[in-house]
């Protein structure tokens, strides 16, 4: 009752003054069935799926460093791999409902948090 939201907005606070080295504090730590711990980096394909289980109930892969960039018909390409910015731009692009049955736009505030988290991740990795 003390933490009732009073605004319809979500923000991100990134500690520091951007001069220090970026740390891996956004990682997820899993406790496996055997009891051992496993660190999942924010650069892992499983990070978004584990962090946003309700948005990705099928367990699809998220962005990772090894997504190949498809070449267009002219054979031109800017880079060999898909950047985070390109990946998230593709993920949040509006499509007809018949093309995207698992529409993450229905996630409400969780979707807003996902977009803010994606932006923060892109900014941190660009440093």
N, C-alpha and C. Protein backbone atom coordinates (compact mmCIF):
# COMPACT_ATOMS: atom_id res chain seq x y z
N UNK A 1 0.81 -1.18 0.00
CA UNK A 1 0.00 0.00 0.00
C UNK A 1 0.86 1.25 0.00
N UNK A 2 2.10 1.16 0.44
CA UNK A 2 2.98 2.31 0.45
C UNK A 2 3.65 2.56 -0.89
N UNK A 3 3.66 1.56 -1.76
CA UNK A 3 4.36 1.68 -3.03
C UNK A 3 3.42 1.78 -4.22
N UNK A 4 2.24 2.31 -4.02
CA UNK A 4 1.29 2.44 -5.12
C UNK A 4 1.81 3.47 -6.11
N UNK A 5 1.80 3.10 -7.36
CA UNK A 5 2.30 3.98 -8.41
C UNK A 5 1.42 5.22 -8.55
N UNK A 6 2.07 6.36 -8.70
CA UNK A 6 1.33 7.62 -8.87
C UNK A 6 1.51 8.20 -10.26
N UNK A 7 2.27 7.53 -11.12
CA UNK A 7 2.51 8.03 -12.47
C UNK A 7 2.41 6.87 -13.46
N UNK A 8 2.17 7.21 -14.71
CA UNK A 8 2.09 6.20 -15.77
C UNK A 8 3.39 6.11 -16.56
N UNK A 9 4.49 6.50 -15.96
CA UNK A 9 5.77 6.51 -16.65
C UNK A 9 6.77 5.60 -15.94
N UNK A 10 7.76 5.16 -16.69
CA UNK A 10 8.84 4.35 -16.14
C UNK A 10 10.14 5.05 -16.51
N UNK A 11 11.10 5.06 -15.61
CA UNK A 11 12.39 5.70 -15.86
C UNK A 11 13.50 4.74 -15.48
N UNK A 12 14.70 5.07 -15.87
CA UNK A 12 15.86 4.27 -15.53
C UNK A 12 16.88 5.18 -14.85
N UNK A 13 17.52 4.65 -13.83
CA UNK A 13 18.60 5.36 -13.16
C UNK A 13 19.84 4.49 -13.30
N UNK A 14 20.85 5.03 -13.95
CA UNK A 14 22.10 4.31 -14.13
C UNK A 14 23.12 4.98 -13.23
N UNK A 15 23.60 4.30 -12.20
CA UNK A 15 24.53 4.94 -11.26
C UNK A 15 25.88 5.23 -11.90
N UNK A 16 26.54 6.26 -11.39
CA UNK A 16 27.86 6.62 -11.87
C UNK A 16 27.80 7.83 -12.77
N UNK A 17 28.98 8.30 -13.14
CA UNK A 17 29.07 9.48 -14.00
C UNK A 17 29.56 9.14 -15.41
N UNK A 18 29.47 7.88 -15.79
CA UNK A 18 29.82 7.36 -17.10
C UNK A 18 31.32 7.38 -17.36
N UNK A 19 32.13 7.75 -16.37
CA UNK A 19 33.57 7.76 -16.59
C UNK A 19 34.22 6.45 -16.18
N UNK A 20 33.57 5.68 -15.30
CA UNK A 20 34.15 4.43 -14.86
C UNK A 20 33.79 3.29 -15.82
N UNK A 21 34.51 2.20 -15.69
CA UNK A 21 34.27 1.04 -16.53
C UNK A 21 32.89 0.45 -16.22
N UNK A 22 32.20 -0.02 -17.25
CA UNK A 22 30.87 -0.60 -17.08
C UNK A 22 31.02 -1.95 -16.39
N UNK A 23 30.21 -2.17 -15.36
CA UNK A 23 30.27 -3.44 -14.63
C UNK A 23 29.18 -4.37 -15.13
N UNK A 24 29.24 -5.62 -14.71
CA UNK A 24 28.26 -6.62 -15.12
C UNK A 24 27.20 -6.80 -14.04
N UNK A 25 26.73 -5.76 -13.42
CA UNK A 25 25.76 -5.87 -12.33
C UNK A 25 24.37 -6.19 -12.84
N UNK A 26 24.15 -6.23 -14.13
CA UNK A 26 22.84 -6.54 -14.68
C UNK A 26 22.68 -8.04 -14.93
N UNK A 27 23.70 -8.81 -14.64
CA UNK A 27 23.64 -10.25 -14.87
C UNK A 27 22.59 -10.91 -13.98
N UNK A 28 22.17 -12.09 -14.39
CA UNK A 28 21.22 -12.90 -13.62
C UNK A 28 21.99 -14.09 -13.05
N UNK A 29 21.76 -14.39 -11.78
CA UNK A 29 22.38 -15.54 -11.14
C UNK A 29 21.31 -16.61 -10.94
N UNK A 30 21.54 -17.80 -11.49
CA UNK A 30 20.60 -18.92 -11.35
C UNK A 30 21.16 -19.94 -10.38
N UNK A 31 20.29 -20.52 -9.58
CA UNK A 31 20.68 -21.66 -8.75
C UNK A 31 20.15 -22.90 -9.47
N UNK A 32 21.07 -23.74 -9.94
CA UNK A 32 20.71 -24.94 -10.68
C UNK A 32 20.23 -26.02 -9.72
N UNK A 33 19.63 -27.08 -10.26
CA UNK A 33 19.08 -28.15 -9.44
C UNK A 33 20.12 -28.81 -8.55
N UNK A 34 21.34 -28.87 -9.01
CA UNK A 34 22.42 -29.47 -8.22
C UNK A 34 22.91 -28.55 -7.11
N UNK A 35 22.43 -27.30 -7.07
CA UNK A 35 22.83 -26.37 -6.03
C UNK A 35 23.87 -25.36 -6.46
N UNK A 36 24.57 -25.64 -7.56
CA UNK A 36 25.60 -24.70 -8.01
C UNK A 36 24.95 -23.46 -8.63
N UNK A 37 25.70 -22.37 -8.67
CA UNK A 37 25.21 -21.11 -9.22
C UNK A 37 25.74 -20.92 -10.63
N UNK A 38 24.93 -20.31 -11.48
CA UNK A 38 25.35 -20.03 -12.86
C UNK A 38 25.01 -18.58 -13.18
N UNK A 39 25.99 -17.85 -13.68
CA UNK A 39 25.81 -16.45 -14.05
C UNK A 39 25.38 -16.35 -15.51
N UNK A 40 24.29 -15.62 -15.75
CA UNK A 40 23.81 -15.37 -17.11
C UNK A 40 24.08 -13.90 -17.41
N UNK A 41 24.96 -13.63 -18.33
CA UNK A 41 25.33 -12.26 -18.69
C UNK A 41 24.20 -11.58 -19.45
N UNK A 42 24.14 -10.26 -19.36
CA UNK A 42 23.15 -9.52 -20.14
C UNK A 42 23.40 -9.66 -21.64
N UNK A 43 24.57 -10.14 -22.02
CA UNK A 43 24.89 -10.37 -23.43
C UNK A 43 24.48 -11.76 -23.90
N UNK A 44 23.95 -12.57 -23.00
CA UNK A 44 23.52 -13.93 -23.33
C UNK A 44 22.18 -13.93 -24.06
N UNK A 45 21.97 -14.91 -24.92
CA UNK A 45 20.70 -15.05 -25.63
C UNK A 45 19.55 -15.36 -24.69
N UNK A 46 19.83 -15.84 -23.48
CA UNK A 46 18.79 -16.22 -22.53
C UNK A 46 18.42 -15.09 -21.56
N UNK A 47 19.13 -13.98 -21.58
CA UNK A 47 18.91 -12.93 -20.58
C UNK A 47 17.48 -12.38 -20.61
N UNK A 48 17.00 -11.94 -21.77
CA UNK A 48 15.66 -11.35 -21.86
C UNK A 48 14.58 -12.36 -21.48
N UNK A 49 14.76 -13.59 -21.93
CA UNK A 49 13.77 -14.63 -21.63
C UNK A 49 13.70 -14.92 -20.13
N UNK A 50 14.83 -14.94 -19.46
CA UNK A 50 14.85 -15.20 -18.03
C UNK A 50 14.39 -13.99 -17.22
N UNK A 51 14.70 -12.80 -17.69
CA UNK A 51 14.33 -11.58 -16.97
C UNK A 51 12.87 -11.22 -17.18
N UNK A 52 12.35 -11.45 -18.37
CA UNK A 52 10.96 -11.09 -18.71
C UNK A 52 10.18 -12.33 -19.11
N UNK A 53 9.98 -13.20 -18.16
CA UNK A 53 9.33 -14.49 -18.40
C UNK A 53 7.91 -14.31 -18.93
N UNK A 54 7.19 -13.33 -18.44
CA UNK A 54 5.80 -13.12 -18.89
C UNK A 54 5.72 -12.60 -20.32
N UNK A 55 6.73 -11.86 -20.77
CA UNK A 55 6.74 -11.36 -22.15
C UNK A 55 7.18 -12.43 -23.14
N UNK A 56 8.01 -13.36 -22.69
CA UNK A 56 8.55 -14.39 -23.58
C UNK A 56 8.30 -15.78 -23.00
N UNK A 57 7.03 -16.20 -22.93
CA UNK A 57 6.71 -17.48 -22.29
C UNK A 57 7.20 -18.70 -23.06
N UNK A 58 7.50 -18.55 -24.34
CA UNK A 58 7.97 -19.68 -25.13
C UNK A 58 9.47 -19.88 -25.03
N UNK A 59 10.16 -18.96 -24.36
CA UNK A 59 11.60 -19.11 -24.17
C UNK A 59 12.42 -18.79 -25.40
N UNK A 60 11.91 -17.91 -26.28
CA UNK A 60 12.68 -17.58 -27.48
C UNK A 60 13.97 -16.84 -27.13
N UNK A 61 14.94 -16.95 -28.00
CA UNK A 61 16.23 -16.31 -27.77
C UNK A 61 16.12 -14.81 -27.89
N UNK A 62 16.89 -14.12 -27.07
CA UNK A 62 17.00 -12.67 -27.16
C UNK A 62 18.26 -12.29 -27.92
N UNK A 63 18.63 -11.01 -27.83
CA UNK A 63 19.82 -10.54 -28.53
C UNK A 63 21.07 -11.17 -27.93
N UNK A 64 22.03 -11.49 -28.78
CA UNK A 64 23.35 -11.94 -28.34
C UNK A 64 24.35 -11.53 -29.39
N UNK A 65 25.62 -11.72 -29.10
CA UNK A 65 26.69 -11.20 -29.94
C UNK A 65 26.81 -11.89 -31.30
N UNK A 66 26.24 -13.08 -31.47
CA UNK A 66 26.48 -13.87 -32.68
C UNK A 66 25.28 -13.97 -33.61
N UNK A 67 24.39 -12.99 -33.62
CA UNK A 67 23.28 -13.01 -34.57
C UNK A 67 23.80 -12.47 -35.91
N UNK A 68 23.79 -13.29 -36.97
CA UNK A 68 24.32 -12.81 -38.25
C UNK A 68 23.36 -11.81 -38.90
N UNK A 69 23.93 -10.82 -39.55
CA UNK A 69 23.14 -9.82 -40.27
C UNK A 69 22.94 -10.32 -41.70
N UNK A 70 21.69 -10.42 -42.14
CA UNK A 70 21.41 -10.87 -43.50
C UNK A 70 21.80 -9.81 -44.51
N UNK A 71 22.30 -10.25 -45.63
CA UNK A 71 22.72 -9.34 -46.70
C UNK A 71 21.51 -8.98 -47.55
N UNK A 72 21.41 -7.69 -47.96
CA UNK A 72 20.30 -7.30 -48.83
C UNK A 72 20.57 -7.74 -50.27
N UNK A 73 19.65 -7.46 -51.18
CA UNK A 73 19.75 -7.94 -52.55
C UNK A 73 20.97 -7.39 -53.30
N UNK A 74 21.41 -6.19 -52.95
CA UNK A 74 22.59 -5.61 -53.60
C UNK A 74 23.90 -6.17 -53.04
N UNK A 75 23.81 -6.96 -51.98
CA UNK A 75 25.00 -7.54 -51.38
C UNK A 75 25.71 -6.61 -50.42
N UNK A 76 25.09 -5.47 -50.11
CA UNK A 76 25.71 -4.51 -49.20
C UNK A 76 25.33 -4.83 -47.76
N UNK A 77 26.26 -4.60 -46.87
CA UNK A 77 25.97 -4.71 -45.45
C UNK A 77 26.92 -3.80 -44.69
N UNK A 78 26.42 -3.27 -43.60
CA UNK A 78 27.23 -2.36 -42.79
C UNK A 78 28.10 -3.14 -41.82
N UNK A 79 27.59 -4.20 -41.30
CA UNK A 79 28.30 -5.00 -40.31
C UNK A 79 27.97 -6.47 -40.52
N UNK A 80 28.72 -7.34 -39.90
CA UNK A 80 28.48 -8.77 -40.05
C UNK A 80 27.51 -9.31 -39.02
N UNK A 81 27.32 -8.59 -37.93
CA UNK A 81 26.46 -9.04 -36.84
C UNK A 81 25.37 -8.00 -36.57
N UNK A 82 24.24 -8.47 -36.03
CA UNK A 82 23.13 -7.59 -35.66
C UNK A 82 23.50 -6.87 -34.37
N UNK A 83 23.39 -5.55 -34.37
CA UNK A 83 23.67 -4.77 -33.17
C UNK A 83 22.46 -4.83 -32.24
N UNK A 84 22.67 -4.43 -31.00
CA UNK A 84 21.55 -4.37 -30.05
C UNK A 84 20.49 -3.39 -30.54
N UNK A 85 20.92 -2.27 -31.06
CA UNK A 85 19.97 -1.26 -31.53
C UNK A 85 19.09 -1.82 -32.65
N UNK A 86 19.69 -2.51 -33.62
CA UNK A 86 18.91 -3.12 -34.70
C UNK A 86 17.96 -4.20 -34.17
N UNK A 87 18.44 -5.01 -33.24
CA UNK A 87 17.61 -6.09 -32.69
C UNK A 87 16.38 -5.53 -31.98
N UNK A 88 16.59 -4.57 -31.09
CA UNK A 88 15.46 -4.03 -30.33
C UNK A 88 14.53 -3.21 -31.21
N UNK A 89 15.07 -2.55 -32.22
CA UNK A 89 14.21 -1.84 -33.17
C UNK A 89 13.30 -2.83 -33.89
N UNK A 90 13.83 -4.00 -34.26
CA UNK A 90 13.02 -5.04 -34.89
C UNK A 90 11.97 -5.59 -33.92
N UNK A 91 12.39 -5.84 -32.66
CA UNK A 91 11.47 -6.42 -31.67
C UNK A 91 10.27 -5.52 -31.37
N UNK A 92 10.48 -4.21 -31.32
CA UNK A 92 9.39 -3.31 -30.92
C UNK A 92 8.72 -2.65 -32.12
N UNK A 93 9.01 -3.13 -33.32
CA UNK A 93 8.34 -2.61 -34.51
C UNK A 93 6.91 -3.17 -34.57
N UNK A 94 5.95 -2.30 -34.81
CA UNK A 94 4.55 -2.73 -34.89
C UNK A 94 4.33 -3.59 -36.13
N UNK A 95 3.60 -4.69 -35.94
CA UNK A 95 3.24 -5.59 -37.04
C UNK A 95 1.76 -5.94 -36.90
N UNK A 96 1.15 -6.34 -38.00
CA UNK A 96 -0.25 -6.80 -37.90
C UNK A 96 -0.34 -7.99 -36.93
N UNK A 97 -1.47 -8.09 -36.24
CA UNK A 97 -1.65 -9.14 -35.23
C UNK A 97 -1.52 -10.54 -35.84
N UNK A 98 -1.89 -10.70 -37.08
CA UNK A 98 -1.82 -12.03 -37.70
C UNK A 98 -0.38 -12.49 -37.89
N UNK A 99 0.56 -11.56 -37.91
CA UNK A 99 1.97 -11.91 -38.10
C UNK A 99 2.68 -12.17 -36.77
N UNK A 100 2.18 -11.60 -35.69
CA UNK A 100 2.86 -11.70 -34.41
C UNK A 100 1.87 -12.11 -33.34
N UNK A 101 1.69 -13.42 -33.18
CA UNK A 101 0.70 -13.91 -32.22
C UNK A 101 1.12 -13.67 -30.77
N UNK A 102 2.41 -13.60 -30.48
CA UNK A 102 2.88 -13.34 -29.12
C UNK A 102 3.28 -11.87 -29.05
N UNK A 103 2.30 -11.01 -29.04
CA UNK A 103 2.53 -9.58 -29.13
C UNK A 103 2.98 -9.03 -27.78
N UNK A 104 4.25 -8.59 -27.70
CA UNK A 104 4.78 -8.07 -26.44
C UNK A 104 4.19 -6.72 -26.08
N UNK A 105 3.51 -6.07 -27.02
CA UNK A 105 2.89 -4.77 -26.74
C UNK A 105 1.73 -4.90 -25.75
N UNK A 106 1.25 -6.07 -25.54
CA UNK A 106 0.16 -6.30 -24.58
C UNK A 106 0.68 -6.41 -23.15
N UNK A 107 1.97 -6.27 -22.96
CA UNK A 107 2.59 -6.42 -21.65
C UNK A 107 2.40 -5.23 -20.73
N UNK A 108 1.83 -4.14 -21.20
CA UNK A 108 1.58 -2.98 -20.35
C UNK A 108 2.86 -2.40 -19.77
N UNK A 109 2.87 -2.24 -18.46
CA UNK A 109 4.03 -1.65 -17.79
C UNK A 109 5.26 -2.54 -17.86
N UNK A 110 5.06 -3.84 -17.93
CA UNK A 110 6.20 -4.74 -18.07
C UNK A 110 6.88 -4.50 -19.42
N UNK A 111 6.08 -4.26 -20.46
CA UNK A 111 6.66 -3.92 -21.77
C UNK A 111 7.41 -2.60 -21.69
N UNK A 112 6.87 -1.62 -20.98
CA UNK A 112 7.56 -0.35 -20.81
C UNK A 112 8.90 -0.56 -20.11
N UNK A 113 8.91 -1.40 -19.09
CA UNK A 113 10.16 -1.69 -18.39
C UNK A 113 11.15 -2.37 -19.34
N UNK A 114 10.66 -3.27 -20.18
CA UNK A 114 11.51 -3.97 -21.15
C UNK A 114 12.16 -2.96 -22.10
N UNK A 115 11.39 -1.99 -22.58
CA UNK A 115 11.94 -0.99 -23.52
C UNK A 115 12.98 -0.12 -22.82
N UNK A 116 12.69 0.31 -21.60
CA UNK A 116 13.65 1.13 -20.85
C UNK A 116 14.92 0.33 -20.56
N UNK A 117 14.76 -0.94 -20.19
CA UNK A 117 15.89 -1.81 -19.92
C UNK A 117 16.72 -2.02 -21.20
N UNK A 118 16.05 -2.17 -22.33
CA UNK A 118 16.76 -2.32 -23.61
C UNK A 118 17.57 -1.08 -23.91
N UNK A 119 16.98 0.10 -23.71
CA UNK A 119 17.70 1.35 -23.96
C UNK A 119 18.92 1.45 -23.05
N UNK A 120 18.74 1.14 -21.75
CA UNK A 120 19.86 1.22 -20.80
C UNK A 120 20.97 0.25 -21.19
N UNK A 121 20.60 -0.94 -21.64
CA UNK A 121 21.58 -1.93 -22.06
C UNK A 121 22.36 -1.45 -23.28
N UNK A 122 21.66 -0.88 -24.24
CA UNK A 122 22.31 -0.35 -25.44
C UNK A 122 23.29 0.76 -25.05
N UNK A 123 22.85 1.66 -24.20
CA UNK A 123 23.71 2.77 -23.77
C UNK A 123 24.94 2.27 -23.02
N UNK A 124 24.76 1.32 -22.12
CA UNK A 124 25.90 0.79 -21.37
C UNK A 124 26.90 0.07 -22.27
N UNK A 125 26.41 -0.65 -23.27
CA UNK A 125 27.31 -1.38 -24.15
C UNK A 125 27.98 -0.49 -25.18
N UNK A 126 27.44 0.70 -25.40
CA UNK A 126 28.08 1.64 -26.33
C UNK A 126 29.24 2.38 -25.70
N UNK A 127 29.37 2.28 -24.38
CA UNK A 127 30.46 3.02 -23.71
C UNK A 127 31.80 2.40 -23.97
